[in-house]
């Protein structure tokens, strides 16, 4: 849409199913790079990504041409598929249902 300007910062948090501590430092960076590709490939700007062993945080400059739910469905679904395809965990990797999404000001 011409002449449209938005500045929306969203903080996402989502957890591994059952809060299992399976995100390991040895492959965490690969997961972050993969998630970065998903976010950027959908027209958003990934400002920060970090994980603990059982959950992940994203700070995203959000593009309003996509819904929050659609972005999170892609991030969680595609990244879980990546972890499983690369056999980064013992057994099947899954994200827990749902996520947190919080708005932030630029300051």
C-alpha atoms as a PDB file:
ATOM      1  CA  UNK A   1       0.000   0.000   0.000  1.00  0.00           C
ATOM      2  CA  UNK A   2       1.606   3.317  -1.026  1.00  0.00           C
ATOM      3  CA  UNK A   3       2.236   5.962   1.621  1.00  0.00           C
ATOM      4  CA  UNK A   4       1.890   3.472   4.468  1.00  0.00           C
ATOM      5  CA  UNK A   5       4.339   3.610   7.346  1.00  0.00           C
ATOM      6  CA  UNK A   6       4.357   1.331  10.374  1.00  0.00           C
ATOM      7  CA  UNK A   7       6.850   0.861  13.170  1.00  0.00           C
ATOM      8  CA  UNK A   8       5.774  -2.187  15.153  1.00  0.00           C
ATOM      9  CA  UNK A   9       8.128  -4.100  17.405  1.00  0.00           C
ATOM     10  CA  UNK A  10       6.947  -7.456  18.721  1.00  0.00           C
ATOM     11  CA  UNK A  11       8.606  -9.716  21.262  1.00  0.00           C
ATOM     12  CA  UNK A  12       7.691 -13.374  20.785  1.00  0.00           C
ATOM     13  CA  UNK A  13       8.278 -16.161  23.291  1.00  0.00           C
ATOM     14  CA  UNK A  14       7.567 -19.829  22.623  1.00  0.00           C
ATOM     15  CA  UNK A  15       8.543 -22.988  24.463  1.00  0.00           C
ATOM     16  CA  UNK A  16       9.623 -26.517  23.694  1.00  0.00           C
ATOM     17  CA  UNK A  17       6.824 -29.040  24.266  1.00  0.00           C
ATOM     18  CA  UNK A  18       6.624 -30.023  27.942  1.00  0.00           C
ATOM     19  CA  UNK A  19       9.309 -27.358  28.566  1.00  0.00           C
ATOM     20  CA  UNK A  20      11.924 -30.018  27.891  1.00  0.00           C
ATOM     21  CA  UNK A  21      15.473 -28.629  28.071  1.00  0.00           C
ATOM     22  CA  UNK A  22      16.581 -29.886  24.650  1.00  0.00           C
ATOM     23  CA  UNK A  23      17.914 -26.768  22.896  1.00  0.00           C
ATOM     24  CA  UNK A  24      21.651 -27.336  23.155  1.00  0.00           C
ATOM     25  CA  UNK A  25      24.398 -24.700  22.778  1.00  0.00           C
ATOM     26  CA  UNK A  26      26.042 -26.922  20.133  1.00  0.00           C
ATOM     27  CA  UNK A  27      23.200 -26.326  17.641  1.00  0.00           C
ATOM     28  CA  UNK A  28      21.402 -23.278  19.032  1.00  0.00           C
ATOM     29  CA  UNK A  29      23.106 -20.954  16.520  1.00  0.00           C
ATOM     30  CA  UNK A  30      21.929 -23.112  13.604  1.00  0.00           C
ATOM     31  CA  UNK A  31      18.357 -22.896  14.924  1.00  0.00           C
ATOM     32  CA  UNK A  32      18.653 -19.109  15.268  1.00  0.00           C
ATOM     33  CA  UNK A  33      19.965 -18.736  11.718  1.00  0.00           C
ATOM     34  CA  UNK A  34      17.142 -20.910  10.392  1.00  0.00           C
ATOM     35  CA  UNK A  35      14.506 -18.888  12.255  1.00  0.00           C
ATOM     36  CA  UNK A  36      16.138 -15.667  11.007  1.00  0.00           C
ATOM     37  CA  UNK A  37      15.667 -16.896   7.434  1.00  0.00           C
ATOM     38  CA  UNK A  38      11.987 -17.625   8.034  1.00  0.00           C
ATOM     39  CA  UNK A  39      11.319 -14.228   9.613  1.00  0.00           C
ATOM     40  CA  UNK A  40      13.242 -12.267   6.972  1.00  0.00           C
ATOM     41  CA  UNK A  41      11.822 -14.372   4.151  1.00  0.00           C
ATOM     42  CA  UNK A  42       8.367 -13.227   5.227  1.00  0.00           C
ATOM     43  CA  UNK A  43       9.282  -9.534   5.031  1.00  0.00           C
ATOM     44  CA  UNK A  44       9.981  -8.860   8.703  1.00  0.00           C
ATOM     45  CA  UNK A  45      13.191  -7.689  10.352  1.00  0.00           C
ATOM     46  CA  UNK A  46      14.638  -9.935  13.051  1.00  0.00           C
ATOM     47  CA  UNK A  47      16.266  -7.603  15.568  1.00  0.00           C
ATOM     48  CA  UNK A  48      17.241 -10.209  18.166  1.00  0.00           C
ATOM     49  CA  UNK A  49      16.939 -13.935  18.801  1.00  0.00           C
ATOM     50  CA  UNK A  50      17.949 -15.877  21.884  1.00  0.00           C
ATOM     51  CA  UNK A  51      17.154 -19.227  23.438  1.00  0.00           C
ATOM     52  CA  UNK A  52      17.316 -20.918  26.776  1.00  0.00           C
ATOM     53  CA  UNK A  53      17.362 -24.700  26.824  1.00  0.00           C
ATOM     54  CA  UNK A  54      13.544 -24.848  26.859  1.00  0.00           C
ATOM     55  CA  UNK A  55      12.292 -21.724  25.056  1.00  0.00           C
ATOM     56  CA  UNK A  56      13.106 -19.060  22.459  1.00  0.00           C
ATOM     57  CA  UNK A  57      12.700 -15.276  22.290  1.00  0.00           C
ATOM     58  CA  UNK A  58      12.452 -13.175  19.121  1.00  0.00           C
ATOM     59  CA  UNK A  59      12.346  -9.386  18.751  1.00  0.00           C
ATOM     60  CA  UNK A  60      10.857  -8.570  15.374  1.00  0.00           C
ATOM     61  CA  UNK A  61      10.272  -5.389  13.392  1.00  0.00           C
ATOM     62  CA  UNK A  62       6.879  -6.561  12.183  1.00  0.00           C
ATOM     63  CA  UNK A  63       5.510  -6.065   8.646  1.00  0.00           C
ATOM     64  CA  UNK A  64       1.721  -5.743   8.787  1.00  0.00           C
ATOM     65  CA  UNK A  65       1.140  -7.580   5.496  1.00  0.00           C
ATOM     66  CA  UNK A  66       1.156 -10.828   7.480  1.00  0.00           C
ATOM     67  CA  UNK A  67      -0.713 -11.784  10.635  1.00  0.00           C
ATOM     68  CA  UNK A  68       1.062 -12.612  13.868  1.00  0.00           C
ATOM     69  CA  UNK A  69      -0.544 -16.067  13.880  1.00  0.00           C
ATOM     70  CA  UNK A  70       0.661 -16.836  10.350  1.00  0.00           C
ATOM     71  CA  UNK A  71       4.237 -15.808  11.144  1.00  0.00           C
ATOM     72  CA  UNK A  72       4.326 -17.879  14.316  1.00  0.00           C
ATOM     73  CA  UNK A  73       2.805 -20.901  12.562  1.00  0.00           C
ATOM     74  CA  UNK A  74       5.610 -20.746   9.992  1.00  0.00           C
ATOM     75  CA  UNK A  75       8.405 -20.080  12.492  1.00  0.00           C
ATOM     76  CA  UNK A  76       7.399 -22.864  14.849  1.00  0.00           C
ATOM     77  CA  UNK A  77       6.386 -25.400  12.196  1.00  0.00           C
ATOM     78  CA  UNK A  78       9.318 -24.903   9.862  1.00  0.00           C
ATOM     79  CA  UNK A  79      11.920 -24.693  12.633  1.00  0.00           C
ATOM     80  CA  UNK A  80      10.627 -27.895  14.287  1.00  0.00           C
ATOM     81  CA  UNK A  81      10.816 -29.614  10.908  1.00  0.00           C
ATOM     82  CA  UNK A  82      14.411 -28.365  10.542  1.00  0.00           C
ATOM     83  CA  UNK A  83      15.435 -29.687  13.971  1.00  0.00           C
ATOM     84  CA  UNK A  84      13.884 -33.077  13.203  1.00  0.00           C
ATOM     85  CA  UNK A  85      15.281 -33.323   9.677  1.00  0.00           C
ATOM     86  CA  UNK A  86      18.775 -32.506  10.942  1.00  0.00           C
ATOM     87  CA  UNK A  87      18.323 -34.959  13.868  1.00  0.00           C
ATOM     88  CA  UNK A  88      19.488 -32.363  16.387  1.00  0.00           C
ATOM     89  CA  UNK A  89      17.580 -33.994  19.259  1.00  0.00           C
ATOM     90  CA  UNK A  90      16.990 -37.521  20.435  1.00  0.00           C
ATOM     91  CA  UNK A  91      13.382 -38.268  19.578  1.00  0.00           C
ATOM     92  CA  UNK A  92      10.867 -35.951  17.960  1.00  0.00           C
ATOM     93  CA  UNK A  93      11.263 -32.202  18.567  1.00  0.00           C
ATOM     94  CA  UNK A  94       8.096 -30.152  18.988  1.00  0.00           C
ATOM     95  CA  UNK A  95       7.226 -26.671  20.145  1.00  0.00           C
ATOM     96  CA  UNK A  96       4.525 -26.287  22.776  1.00  0.00           C
ATOM     97  CA  UNK A  97       1.149 -25.002  21.542  1.00  0.00           C
ATOM     98  CA  UNK A  98       0.728 -21.251  21.653  1.00  0.00           C
ATOM     99  CA  UNK A  99       3.161 -18.386  22.117  1.00  0.00           C
ATOM    100  CA  UNK A 100       3.472 -15.018  23.796  1.00  0.00           C
ATOM    101  CA  UNK A 101       3.479 -11.842  21.699  1.00  0.00           C
ATOM    102  CA  UNK A 102       4.196  -8.479  23.311  1.00  0.00           C
ATOM    103  CA  UNK A 103       4.446  -5.035  21.743  1.00  0.00           C
ATOM    104  CA  UNK A 104       7.404  -2.767  22.477  1.00  0.00           C
ATOM    105  CA  UNK A 105       8.101   0.871  21.753  1.00  0.00           C
ATOM    106  CA  UNK A 106      11.211   1.875  19.852  1.00  0.00           C
ATOM    107  CA  UNK A 107      12.691   3.396  23.008  1.00  0.00           C
END
